[in-house]
Amino acid sequence: MAVTPINIALAPQTMKQVSPTTLGITWNDGHESTYAVRNIRLSCRCANCIDEWTREKILKAESIPEDIKPKKIETVGRYAIQINWSDGHSTGIFTFEQLRSLCECESCQHKNCDH
């Protein structure tokens, strides 16, 4: 009888604030990602940042302070995190898949984050 491998969903194993403007995530597959938190904020897909009908980006990069910081990070179920930002924004949900695709490491950039 063949054993079918279990497909374990992508999830952070650990998450830590490396510096005021840098977030580190170690994933359950062992990959380590480091993110400039401003880039995460700029990737928000909530209705305040992306037009719900046209999918056009409403959020302007120049409106986000260079020194933006997460004030609070909470998990949302088993698939995402929600961040309360120092600019007052708190409605965005960042799925683990989305966060992984934003990985800034050389390996992920080379692969276009196809994990």
PDB file of N, CA and C in Angstrom:
ATOM      1  N   MET A   1       0.839  -1.166   0.000  1.00  0.00           N
ATOM      2  CA  MET A   1       0.000   0.000   0.000  1.00  0.00           C
ATOM      3  C   MET A   1       0.895   1.243   0.000  1.00  0.00           C
ATOM      4  N   ALA A   2       0.626   2.165  -0.930  1.00  0.00           N
ATOM      5  CA  ALA A   2       1.401   3.402  -1.036  1.00  0.00           C
ATOM      6  C   ALA A   2       0.908   4.411  -0.001  1.00  0.00           C
ATOM      7  N   VAL A   3       1.846   5.156   0.517  1.00  0.00           N
ATOM      8  CA  VAL A   3       1.510   6.200   1.479  1.00  0.00           C
ATOM      9  C   VAL A   3       1.497   7.531   0.742  1.00  0.00           C
ATOM     10  N   THR A   4       0.403   8.245   0.845  1.00  0.00           N
ATOM     11  CA  THR A   4       0.283   9.551   0.206  1.00  0.00           C
ATOM     12  C   THR A   4       0.820  10.611   1.161  1.00  0.00           C
ATOM     13  N   PRO A   5       1.784  11.425   0.685  1.00  0.00           N
ATOM     14  CA  PRO A   5       2.305  12.467   1.573  1.00  0.00           C
ATOM     15  C   PRO A   5       1.232  13.496   1.910  1.00  0.00           C
ATOM     16  N   ILE A   6       1.306  14.005   3.110  1.00  0.00           N
ATOM     17  CA  ILE A   6       0.372  15.036   3.550  1.00  0.00           C
ATOM     18  C   ILE A   6       0.876  16.381   3.052  1.00  0.00           C
ATOM     19  N   ASN A   7       0.000  17.162   2.454  1.00  0.00           N
ATOM     20  CA  ASN A   7       0.360  18.492   1.972  1.00  0.00           C
ATOM     21  C   ASN A   7       0.195  19.483   3.122  1.00  0.00           C
ATOM     22  N   ILE A   8       1.314  19.888   3.699  1.00  0.00           N
ATOM     23  CA  ILE A   8       1.273  20.834   4.807  1.00  0.00           C
ATOM     24  C   ILE A   8       1.235  22.241   4.234  1.00  0.00           C
ATOM     25  N   ALA A   9       0.281  23.019   4.678  1.00  0.00           N
ATOM     26  CA  ALA A   9       0.118  24.384   4.179  1.00  0.00           C
ATOM     27  C   ALA A   9       1.294  25.254   4.606  1.00  0.00           C
ATOM     28  N   LEU A  10       1.618  26.203   3.762  1.00  0.00           N
ATOM     29  CA  LEU A  10       2.664  27.172   4.040  1.00  0.00           C
ATOM     30  C   LEU A  10       2.260  28.016   5.245  1.00  0.00           C
ATOM     31  N   ALA A  11       3.159  28.120   6.213  1.00  0.00           N
ATOM     32  CA  ALA A  11       2.856  28.911   7.409  1.00  0.00           C
ATOM     33  C   ALA A  11       4.151  29.365   8.067  1.00  0.00           C
ATOM     34  N   PRO A  12       4.103  30.506   8.733  1.00  0.00           N
ATOM     35  CA  PRO A  12       5.277  30.940   9.489  1.00  0.00           C
ATOM     36  C   PRO A  12       5.503  30.024  10.690  1.00  0.00           C
ATOM     37  N   GLN A  13       6.751  29.666  10.909  1.00  0.00           N
ATOM     38  CA  GLN A  13       7.109  28.913  12.105  1.00  0.00           C
ATOM     39  C   GLN A  13       7.422  29.903  13.229  1.00  0.00           C
ATOM     40  N   THR A  14       8.186  30.946  12.875  1.00  0.00           N
ATOM     41  CA  THR A  14       8.459  32.035  13.808  1.00  0.00           C
ATOM     42  C   THR A  14       8.382  33.353  13.054  1.00  0.00           C
ATOM     43  N   MET A  15       8.037  34.396  13.783  1.00  0.00           N
ATOM     44  CA  MET A  15       7.964  35.736  13.209  1.00  0.00           C
ATOM     45  C   MET A  15       8.537  36.684  14.256  1.00  0.00           C
ATOM     46  N   LYS A  16       9.466  37.557  13.843  1.00  0.00           N
ATOM     47  CA  LYS A  16      10.038  38.484  14.819  1.00  0.00           C
ATOM     48  C   LYS A  16      10.381  39.811  14.168  1.00  0.00           C
ATOM     49  N   GLN A  17      10.321  40.839  14.987  1.00  0.00           N
ATOM     50  CA  GLN A  17      10.701  42.179  14.558  1.00  0.00           C
ATOM     51  C   GLN A  17      12.220  42.243  14.656  1.00  0.00           C
ATOM     52  N   VAL A  18      12.919  42.249  13.507  1.00  0.00           N
ATOM     53  CA  VAL A  18      14.376  42.276  13.467  1.00  0.00           C
ATOM     54  C   VAL A  18      14.885  43.664  13.842  1.00  0.00           C
ATOM     55  N   SER A  19      14.195  44.682  13.362  1.00  0.00           N
ATOM     56  CA  SER A  19      14.487  46.079  13.680  1.00  0.00           C
ATOM     57  C   SER A  19      13.162  46.824  13.565  1.00  0.00           C
ATOM     58  N   PRO A  20      13.126  48.107  13.898  1.00  0.00           N
ATOM     59  CA  PRO A  20      11.852  48.829  13.785  1.00  0.00           C
ATOM     60  C   PRO A  20      11.250  48.794  12.380  1.00  0.00           C
ATOM     61  N   THR A  21      12.086  48.640  11.359  1.00  0.00           N
ATOM     62  CA  THR A  21      11.574  48.659   9.983  1.00  0.00           C
ATOM     63  C   THR A  21      11.778  47.338   9.246  1.00  0.00           C
ATOM     64  N   THR A  22      12.118  46.271   9.979  1.00  0.00           N
ATOM     65  CA  THR A  22      12.381  44.973   9.347  1.00  0.00           C
ATOM     66  C   THR A  22      11.675  43.860  10.104  1.00  0.00           C
ATOM     67  N   LEU A  23      10.976  43.001   9.363  1.00  0.00           N
ATOM     68  CA  LEU A  23      10.282  41.850   9.928  1.00  0.00           C
ATOM     69  C   LEU A  23      10.938  40.585   9.395  1.00  0.00           C
ATOM     70  N   GLY A  24      11.192  39.625  10.276  1.00  0.00           N
ATOM     71  CA  GLY A  24      11.764  38.345   9.866  1.00  0.00           C
ATOM     72  C   GLY A  24      10.763  37.226  10.062  1.00  0.00           C
ATOM     73  N   ILE A  25      10.686  36.324   9.081  1.00  0.00           N
ATOM     74  CA  ILE A  25       9.808  35.157   9.184  1.00  0.00           C
ATOM     75  C   ILE A  25      10.613  33.923   8.816  1.00  0.00           C
ATOM     76  N   THR A  26      10.543  32.902   9.674  1.00  0.00           N
ATOM     77  CA  THR A  26      11.061  31.581   9.334  1.00  0.00           C
ATOM     78  C   THR A  26       9.841  30.731   9.030  1.00  0.00           C
ATOM     79  N   TRP A  27       9.823  30.165   7.823  1.00  0.00           N
ATOM     80  CA  TRP A  27       8.665  29.405   7.354  1.00  0.00           C
ATOM     81  C   TRP A  27       8.770  27.945   7.766  1.00  0.00           C
ATOM     82  N   ASN A  28       7.636  27.248   7.744  1.00  0.00           N
ATOM     83  CA  ASN A  28       7.616  25.847   8.150  1.00  0.00           C
ATOM     84  C   ASN A  28       8.382  24.933   7.196  1.00  0.00           C
ATOM     85  N   ASP A  29       8.799  25.445   6.037  1.00  0.00           N
ATOM     86  CA  ASP A  29       9.657  24.657   5.142  1.00  0.00           C
ATOM     87  C   ASP A  29      11.136  24.985   5.359  1.00  0.00           C
ATOM     88  N   GLY A  30      11.434  25.828   6.378  1.00  0.00           N
ATOM     89  CA  GLY A  30      12.808  26.173   6.711  1.00  0.00           C
ATOM     90  C   GLY A  30      13.324  27.443   6.066  1.00  0.00           C
ATOM     91  N   HIS A  31      12.612  27.971   5.090  1.00  0.00           N
ATOM     92  CA  HIS A  31      13.057  29.192   4.414  1.00  0.00           C
ATOM     93  C   HIS A  31      12.975  30.372   5.375  1.00  0.00           C
ATOM     94  N   GLU A  32      13.981  31.250   5.317  1.00  0.00           N
ATOM     95  CA  GLU A  32      13.991  32.449   6.152  1.00  0.00           C
ATOM     96  C   GLU A  32      13.820  33.676   5.274  1.00  0.00           C
ATOM     97  N   SER A  33      12.841  34.493   5.589  1.00  0.00           N
ATOM     98  CA  SER A  33      12.542  35.711   4.833  1.00  0.00           C
ATOM     99  C   SER A  33      12.739  36.922   5.729  1.00  0.00           C
ATOM    100  N   THR A  34      13.254  37.987   5.143  1.00  0.00           N
ATOM    101  CA  THR A  34      13.384  39.268   5.826  1.00  0.00           C
ATOM    102  C   THR A  34      12.693  40.307   4.965  1.00  0.00           C
ATOM    103  N   TYR A  35      11.833  41.109   5.577  1.00  0.00           N
ATOM    104  CA  TYR A  35      11.023  42.071   4.840  1.00  0.00           C
ATOM    105  C   TYR A  35      11.228  43.488   5.355  1.00  0.00           C
ATOM    106  N   ALA A  36      11.343  44.430   4.446  1.00  0.00           N
ATOM    107  CA  ALA A  36      11.216  45.840   4.807  1.00  0.00           C
ATOM    108  C   ALA A  36       9.725  46.046   5.054  1.00  0.00           C
ATOM    109  N   VAL A  37       9.353  46.449   6.266  1.00  0.00           N
ATOM    110  CA  VAL A  37       7.933  46.525   6.608  1.00  0.00           C
ATOM    111  C   VAL A  37       7.174  47.500   5.716  1.00  0.00           C
ATOM    112  N   ARG A  38       7.834  48.516   5.227  1.00  0.00           N
ATOM    113  CA  ARG A  38       7.169  49.470   4.326  1.00  0.00           C
ATOM    114  C   ARG A  38       6.697  48.754   3.056  1.00  0.00           C
ATOM    115  N   ASN A  39       7.479  47.793   2.566  1.00  0.00           N
ATOM    116  CA  ASN A  39       7.075  47.039   1.377  1.00  0.00           C
ATOM    117  C   ASN A  39       5.828  46.202   1.649  1.00  0.00           C
ATOM    118  N   ILE A  40       5.727  45.667   2.862  1.00  0.00           N
ATOM    119  CA  ILE A  40       4.512  44.926   3.219  1.00  0.00           C
ATOM    120  C   ILE A  40       3.326  45.887   3.224  1.00  0.00           C
ATOM    121  N   ARG A  41       3.495  47.035   3.860  1.00  0.00           N
ATOM    122  CA  ARG A  41       2.404  48.036   3.909  1.00  0.00           C
ATOM    123  C   ARG A  41       1.976  48.445   2.504  1.00  0.00           C
ATOM    124  N   LEU A  42       2.951  48.639   1.609  1.00  0.00           N
ATOM    125  CA  LEU A  42       2.635  49.043   0.232  1.00  0.00           C
ATOM    126  C   LEU A  42       1.929  47.943  -0.554  1.00  0.00           C
ATOM    127  N   SER A  43       2.020  46.703  -0.093  1.00  0.00           N
ATOM    128  CA  SER A  43       1.383  45.590  -0.805  1.00  0.00           C
ATOM    129  C   SER A  43      -0.018  45.282  -0.294  1.00  0.00           C
ATOM    130  N   CYS A  44      -0.539  46.123   0.590  1.00  0.00           N
ATOM    131  CA  CYS A  44      -1.868  45.892   1.152  1.00  0.00           C
ATOM    132  C   CYS A  44      -2.911  45.824   0.036  1.00  0.00           C
ATOM    133  N   ARG A  45      -3.804  44.835   0.153  1.00  0.00           N
ATOM    134  CA  ARG A  45      -4.840  44.624  -0.866  1.00  0.00           C
ATOM    135  C   ARG A  45      -6.247  44.919  -0.348  1.00  0.00           C
ATOM    136  N   CYS A  46      -6.347  45.648   0.757  1.00  0.00           N
ATOM    137  CA  CYS A  46      -7.678  45.935   1.304  1.00  0.00           C
ATOM    138  C   CYS A  46      -8.410  46.942   0.411  1.00  0.00           C
ATOM    139  N   ALA A  47      -9.696  47.127   0.673  1.00  0.00           N
ATOM    140  CA  ALA A  47     -10.526  48.015  -0.152  1.00  0.00           C
ATOM    141  C   ALA A  47     -10.103  49.478  -0.060  1.00  0.00           C
ATOM    142  N   ASN A  48      -9.385  49.857   0.985  1.00  0.00           N
ATOM    143  CA  ASN A  48      -8.880  51.226   1.084  1.00  0.00           C
ATOM    144  C   ASN A  48      -7.630  51.438   0.236  1.00  0.00           C
ATOM    145  N   CYS A  49      -6.962  50.353  -0.111  1.00  0.00           N
ATOM    146  CA  CYS A  49      -5.690  50.448  -0.843  1.00  0.00           C
ATOM    147  C   CYS A  49      -5.796  50.010  -2.305  1.00  0.00           C
ATOM    148  N   ILE A  50      -6.767  49.165  -2.609  1.00  0.00           N
ATOM    149  CA  ILE A  50      -7.007  48.670  -3.969  1.00  0.00           C
ATOM    150  C   ILE A  50      -8.488  48.857  -4.285  1.00  0.00           C
ATOM    151  N   ASP A  51      -8.803  49.438  -5.434  1.00  0.00           N
ATOM    152  CA  ASP A  51     -10.201  49.612  -5.836  1.00  0.00           C
ATOM    153  C   ASP A  51     -10.850  48.242  -6.012  1.00  0.00           C
ATOM    154  N   GLU A  52     -11.962  48.030  -5.341  1.00  0.00           N
ATOM    155  CA  GLU A  52     -12.634  46.729  -5.369  1.00  0.00           C
ATOM    156  C   GLU A  52     -13.124  46.328  -6.753  1.00  0.00           C
ATOM    157  N   TRP A  53     -13.492  47.291  -7.568  1.00  0.00           N
ATOM    158  CA  TRP A  53     -14.062  46.985  -8.881  1.00  0.00           C
ATOM    159  C   TRP A  53     -13.009  46.912  -9.977  1.00  0.00           C
ATOM    160  N   THR A  54     -12.100  47.860  -9.986  1.00  0.00           N
ATOM    161  CA  THR A  54     -11.112  47.912 -11.076  1.00  0.00           C
ATOM    162  C   THR A  54      -9.806  47.215 -10.728  1.00  0.00           C
ATOM    163  N   ARG A  55      -9.600  46.950  -9.455  1.00  0.00           N
ATOM    164  CA  ARG A  55      -8.349  46.371  -8.948  1.00  0.00           C
ATOM    165  C   ARG A  55      -7.154  47.312  -9.112  1.00  0.00           C
ATOM    166  N   GLU A  56      -7.442  48.591  -9.388  1.00  0.00           N
ATOM    167  CA  GLU A  56      -6.369  49.582  -9.488  1.00  0.00           C
ATOM    168  C   GLU A  56      -5.900  49.957  -8.093  1.00  0.00           C
ATOM    169  N   LYS A  57      -4.605  50.204  -7.989  1.00  0.00           N
ATOM    170  CA  LYS A  57      -4.033  50.591  -6.708  1.00  0.00           C
ATOM    171  C   LYS A  57      -4.446  52.025  -6.376  1.00  0.00           C
ATOM    172  N   ILE A  58      -5.041  52.206  -5.208  1.00  0.00           N
ATOM    173  CA  ILE A  58      -5.435  53.521  -4.716  1.00  0.00           C
ATOM    174  C   ILE A  58      -4.307  54.098  -3.862  1.00  0.00           C
ATOM    175  N   LEU A  59      -3.664  53.231  -3.104  1.00  0.00           N
ATOM    176  CA  LEU A  59      -2.600  53.634  -2.192  1.00  0.00           C
ATOM    177  C   LEU A  59      -1.433  54.232  -2.965  1.00  0.00           C
ATOM    178  N   LYS A  60      -1.014  55.399  -2.562  1.00  0.00           N
ATOM    179  CA  LYS A  60       0.128  56.082  -3.181  1.00  0.00           C
ATOM    180  C   LYS A  60       1.355  55.890  -2.296  1.00  0.00           C
ATOM    181  N   ALA A  61       2.447  55.436  -2.893  1.00  0.00           N
ATOM    182  CA  ALA A  61       3.676  55.173  -2.138  1.00  0.00           C
ATOM    183  C   ALA A  61       4.136  56.394  -1.354  1.00  0.00           C
ATOM    184  N   GLU A  62       3.968  57.567  -1.944  1.00  0.00           N
ATOM    185  CA  GLU A  62       4.432  58.784  -1.269  1.00  0.00           C
ATOM    186  C   GLU A  62       3.615  59.112  -0.013  1.00  0.00           C
ATOM    187  N   SER A  63       2.463  58.465   0.156  1.00  0.00           N
ATOM    188  CA  SER A  63       1.650  58.711   1.351  1.00  0.00           C
ATOM    189  C   SER A  63       2.080  57.844   2.540  1.00  0.00           C
ATOM    190  N   ILE A  64       2.968  56.895   2.295  1.00  0.00           N
ATOM    191  CA  ILE A  64       3.429  56.000   3.357  1.00  0.00           C
ATOM    192  C   ILE A  64       4.779  56.485   3.874  1.00  0.00           C
ATOM    193  N   PRO A  65       4.871  56.788   5.164  1.00  0.00           N
ATOM    194  CA  PRO A  65       6.143  57.267   5.714  1.00  0.00           C
ATOM    195  C   PRO A  65       7.256  56.227   5.553  1.00  0.00           C
ATOM    196  N   GLU A  66       8.458  56.699   5.317  1.00  0.00           N
ATOM    197  CA  GLU A  66       9.615  55.802   5.189  1.00  0.00           C
ATOM    198  C   GLU A  66       9.849  55.019   6.477  1.00  0.00           C
ATOM    199  N   ASP A  67       9.498  55.611   7.607  1.00  0.00           N
ATOM    200  CA  ASP A  67       9.764  54.972   8.899  1.00  0.00           C
ATOM    201  C   ASP A  67       8.525  54.289   9.489  1.00  0.00           C
ATOM    202  N   ILE A  68       7.588  53.881   8.635  1.00  0.00           N
ATOM    203  CA  ILE A  68       6.378  53.207   9.124  1.00  0.00           C
ATOM    204  C   ILE A  68       6.767  51.942   9.884  1.00  0.00           C
ATOM    205  N   LYS A  69       5.976  51.636  10.911  1.00  0.00           N
ATOM    206  CA  LYS A  69       6.270  50.471  11.739  1.00  0.00           C
ATOM    207  C   LYS A  69       4.974  49.729  12.060  1.00  0.00           C
ATOM    208  N   PRO A  70       5.055  48.417  12.211  1.00  0.00           N
ATOM    209  CA  PRO A  70       3.896  47.691  12.725  1.00  0.00           C
ATOM    210  C   PRO A  70       3.781  47.943  14.226  1.00  0.00           C
ATOM    211  N   LYS A  71       2.585  48.292  14.674  1.00  0.00           N
ATOM    212  CA  LYS A  71       2.350  48.488  16.107  1.00  0.00           C
ATOM    213  C   LYS A  71       1.894  47.186  16.748  1.00  0.00           C
ATOM    214  N   LYS A  72       1.153  46.383  15.968  1.00  0.00           N
ATOM    215  CA  LYS A  72       0.622  45.118  16.478  1.00  0.00           C
ATOM    216  C   LYS A  72       0.437  44.167  15.300  1.00  0.00           C
ATOM    217  N   ILE A  73       0.826  42.912  15.484  1.00  0.00           N
ATOM    218  CA  ILE A  73       0.644  41.883  14.460  1.00  0.00           C
ATOM    219  C   ILE A  73      -0.139  40.741  15.089  1.00  0.00           C
ATOM    220  N   GLU A  74      -1.243  40.363  14.442  1.00  0.00           N
ATOM    221  CA  GLU A  74      -2.082  39.275  14.941  1.00  0.00           C
ATOM    222  C   GLU A  74      -2.314  38.263  13.832  1.00  0.00           C
ATOM    223  N   THR A  75      -2.425  36.997  14.208  1.00  0.00           N
ATOM    224  CA  THR A  75      -2.759  35.982  13.214  1.00  0.00           C
ATOM    225  C   THR A  75      -4.255  36.029  12.932  1.00  0.00           C
ATOM    226  N   VAL A  76      -4.593  35.688  11.705  1.00  0.00           N
ATOM    227  CA  VAL A  76      -5.982  35.593  11.263  1.00  0.00           C
ATOM    228  C   VAL A  76      -6.181  34.142  10.847  1.00  0.00           C
ATOM    229  N   GLY A  77      -6.881  33.393  11.674  1.00  0.00           N
ATOM    230  CA  GLY A  77      -7.058  31.979  11.391  1.00  0.00           C
ATOM    231  C   GLY A  77      -5.712  31.288  11.243  1.00  0.00           C
ATOM    232  N   ARG A  78      -5.643  30.395  10.259  1.00  0.00           N
ATOM    233  CA  ARG A  78      -4.401  29.669   9.985  1.00  0.00           C
ATOM    234  C   ARG A  78      -3.864  30.022   8.613  1.00  0.00           C
ATOM    235  N   TYR A  79      -4.197  31.248   8.134  1.00  0.00           N
ATOM    236  CA  TYR A  79      -3.820  31.576   6.768  1.00  0.00           C
ATOM    237  C   TYR A  79      -3.243  32.971   6.570  1.00  0.00           C
ATOM    238  N   ALA A  80      -3.260  33.824   7.599  1.00  0.00           N
ATOM    239  CA  ALA A  80      -2.868  35.217   7.362  1.00  0.00           C
ATOM    240  C   ALA A  80      -2.487  35.920   8.663  1.00  0.00           C
ATOM    241  N   ILE A  81      -1.986  37.152   8.482  1.00  0.00           N
ATOM    242  CA  ILE A  81      -1.769  38.055   9.610  1.00  0.00           C
ATOM    243  C   ILE A  81      -2.455  39.381   9.308  1.00  0.00           C
ATOM    244  N   GLN A  82      -2.786  40.093  10.364  1.00  0.00           N
ATOM    245  CA  GLN A  82      -3.309  41.450  10.239  1.00  0.00           C
ATOM    246  C   GLN A  82      -2.368  42.348  11.025  1.00  0.00           C
ATOM    247  N   ILE A  83      -1.999  43.484  10.414  1.00  0.00           N
ATOM    248  CA  ILE A  83      -1.040  44.392  11.029  1.00  0.00           C
ATOM    249  C   ILE A  83      -1.707  45.735  11.300  1.00  0.00           C
ATOM    250  N   ASN A  84      -1.547  46.222  12.520  1.00  0.00           N
ATOM    251  CA  ASN A  84      -1.937  47.592  12.853  1.00  0.00           C
ATOM    252  C   ASN A  84      -0.686  48.438  12.681  1.00  0.00           C
ATOM    253  N   TRP A  85      -0.755  49.410  11.771  1.00  0.00           N
ATOM    254  CA  TRP A  85       0.415  50.195  11.387  1.00  0.00           C
ATOM    255  C   TRP A  85       0.489  51.527  12.118  1.00  0.00           C
ATOM    256  N   SER A  86       1.693  52.078  12.186  1.00  0.00           N
ATOM    257  CA  SER A  86       1.906  53.368  12.848  1.00  0.00           C
ATOM    258  C   SER A  86       1.242  54.527  12.107  1.00  0.00           C
ATOM    259  N   ASP A  87       0.812  54.312  10.841  1.00  0.00           N
ATOM    260  CA  ASP A  87       0.091  55.372  10.120  1.00  0.00           C
ATOM    261  C   ASP A  87      -1.420  55.290  10.351  1.00  0.00           C
ATOM    262  N   GLY A  88      -1.855  54.381  11.243  1.00  0.00           N
ATOM    263  CA  GLY A  88      -3.266  54.252  11.569  1.00  0.00           C
ATOM    264  C   GLY A  88      -4.003  53.212  10.744  1.00  0.00           C
ATOM    265  N   HIS A  89      -3.391  52.665   9.713  1.00  0.00           N
ATOM    266  CA  HIS A  89      -4.041  51.669   8.864  1.00  0.00           C
ATOM    267  C   HIS A  89      -4.072  50.322   9.588  1.00  0.00           C
ATOM    268  N   SER A  90      -5.209  49.629   9.502  1.00  0.00           N
ATOM    269  CA  SER A  90      -5.304  48.333  10.183  1.00  0.00           C
ATOM    270  C   SER A  90      -6.271  47.366   9.514  1.00  0.00           C
ATOM    271  N   THR A  91      -6.745  47.679   8.314  1.00  0.00           N
ATOM    272  CA  THR A  91      -7.768  46.826   7.698  1.00  0.00           C
ATOM    273  C   THR A  91      -7.209  45.764   6.758  1.00  0.00           C
ATOM    274  N   GLY A  92      -5.942  45.811   6.467  1.00  0.00           N
ATOM    275  CA  GLY A  92      -5.370  44.841   5.535  1.00  0.00           C
ATOM    276  C   GLY A  92      -5.090  43.496   6.180  1.00  0.00           C
ATOM    277  N   ILE A  93      -5.338  42.440   5.430  1.00  0.00           N
ATOM    278  CA  ILE A  93      -4.996  41.079   5.839  1.00  0.00           C
ATOM    279  C   ILE A  93      -3.978  40.567   4.832  1.00  0.00           C
ATOM    280  N   PHE A  94      -2.867  40.067   5.337  1.00  0.00           N
ATOM    281  CA  PHE A  94      -1.784  39.584   4.489  1.00  0.00           C
ATOM    282  C   PHE A  94      -1.717  38.069   4.617  1.00  0.00           C
ATOM    283  N   THR A  95      -2.119  37.359   3.552  1.00  0.00           N
ATOM    284  CA  THR A  95      -2.085  35.904   3.603  1.00  0.00           C
ATOM    285  C   THR A  95      -0.637  35.435   3.644  1.00  0.00           C
ATOM    286  N   PHE A  96      -0.440  34.234   4.174  1.00  0.00           N
ATOM    287  CA  PHE A  96       0.912  33.681   4.220  1.00  0.00           C
ATOM    288  C   PHE A  96       1.469  33.538   2.809  1.00  0.00           C
ATOM    289  N   GLU A  97       0.620  33.137   1.879  1.00  0.00           N
ATOM    290  CA  GLU A  97       1.048  33.006   0.483  1.00  0.00           C
ATOM    291  C   GLU A  97       1.514  34.358  -0.073  1.00  0.00           C
ATOM    292  N   GLN A  98       0.757  35.410   0.208  1.00  0.00           N
ATOM    293  CA  GLN A  98       1.139  36.750  -0.253  1.00  0.00           C
ATOM    294  C   GLN A  98       2.463  37.180   0.371  1.00  0.00           C
ATOM    295  N   LEU A  99       2.608  36.962   1.682  1.00  0.00           N
ATOM    296  CA  LEU A  99       3.854  37.332   2.352  1.00  0.00           C
ATOM    297  C   LEU A  99       5.041  36.586   1.756  1.00  0.00           C
ATOM    298  N   ARG A 100       4.859  35.301   1.514  1.00  0.00           N
ATOM    299  CA  ARG A 100       5.960  34.519   0.945  1.00  0.00           C
ATOM    300  C   ARG A 100       6.324  35.054  -0.431  1.00  0.00           C
ATOM    301  N   SER A 101       5.341  35.470  -1.213  1.00  0.00           N
ATOM    302  CA  SER A 101       5.623  35.997  -2.555  1.00  0.00           C
ATOM    303  C   SER A 101       6.365  37.328  -2.496  1.00  0.00           C
ATOM    304  N   LEU A 102       6.303  38.004  -1.352  1.00  0.00           N
ATOM    305  CA  LEU A 102       7.001  39.279  -1.180  1.00  0.00           C
ATOM    306  C   LEU A 102       8.428  39.103  -0.665  1.00  0.00           C
ATOM    307  N   CYS A 103       8.850  37.867  -0.454  1.00  0.00           N
ATOM    308  CA  CYS A 103      10.185  37.608   0.086  1.00  0.00           C
ATOM    309  C   CYS A 103      11.227  38.327  -0.760  1.00  0.00           C
ATOM    310  N   GLU A 104      12.121  39.034  -0.077  1.00  0.00           N
ATOM    311  CA  GLU A 104      13.103  39.874  -0.751  1.00  0.00           C
ATOM    312  C   GLU A 104      14.462  39.207  -0.920  1.00  0.00           C
ATOM    313  N   CYS A 105      14.587  37.932  -0.547  1.00  0.00           N
ATOM    314  CA  CYS A 105      15.893  37.284  -0.650  1.00  0.00           C
ATOM    315  C   CYS A 105      16.265  37.053  -2.118  1.00  0.00           C
ATOM    316  N   GLU A 106      17.550  36.917  -2.354  1.00  0.00           N
ATOM    317  CA  GLU A 106      18.055  36.762  -3.719  1.00  0.00           C
ATOM    318  C   GLU A 106      17.480  35.524  -4.400  1.00  0.00           C
ATOM    319  N   SER A 107      17.373  34.438  -3.659  1.00  0.00           N
ATOM    320  CA  SER A 107      16.842  33.198  -4.221  1.00  0.00           C
ATOM    321  C   SER A 107      15.396  33.372  -4.686  1.00  0.00           C
ATOM    322  N   CYS A 108      14.579  34.003  -3.853  1.00  0.00           N
ATOM    323  CA  CYS A 108      13.173  34.214  -4.218  1.00  0.00           C
ATOM    324  C   CYS A 108      13.038  35.213  -5.357  1.00  0.00           C
ATOM    325  N   GLN A 109      13.841  36.255  -5.345  1.00  0.00           N
ATOM    326  CA  GLN A 109      13.787  37.233  -6.431  1.00  0.00           C
ATOM    327  C   GLN A 109      14.185  36.580  -7.748  1.00  0.00           C
ATOM    328  N   HIS A 110      15.159  35.695  -7.685  1.00  0.00           N
ATOM    329  CA  HIS A 110      15.610  34.992  -8.890  1.00  0.00           C
ATOM    330  C   HIS A 110      14.507  34.075  -9.426  1.00  0.00           C
ATOM    331  N   LYS A 111      13.772  33.461  -8.516  1.00  0.00           N
ATOM    332  CA  LYS A 111      12.695  32.541  -8.898  1.00  0.00           C
ATOM    333  C   LYS A 111      11.362  33.250  -9.063  1.00  0.00           C
ATOM    334  N   ASN A 112      11.344  34.576  -8.903  1.00  0.00           N
ATOM    335  CA  ASN A 112      10.099  35.350  -8.904  1.00  0.00           C
ATOM    336  C   ASN A 112       9.149  34.859  -7.832  1.00  0.00           C
ATOM    337  N   CYS A 113       9.718  34.355  -6.736  1.00  0.00           N
ATOM    338  CA  CYS A 113       8.958  33.891  -5.568  1.00  0.00           C
ATOM    339  C   CYS A 113       7.983  32.777  -5.903  1.00  0.00           C
ATOM    340  N   ASP A 114       8.319  31.929  -6.837  1.00  0.00           N
ATOM    341  CA  ASP A 114       7.475  30.769  -7.139  1.00  0.00           C
ATOM    342  C   ASP A 114       7.842  29.654  -6.174  1.00  0.00           C
ATOM    343  N   HIS A 115       7.155  29.589  -5.046  1.00  0.00           N
ATOM    344  CA  HIS A 115       7.416  28.550  -4.053  1.00  0.00           C
ATOM    345  C   HIS A 115       6.282  27.575  -4.026  1.00  0.00           C
TER     346      HIS A 115
END
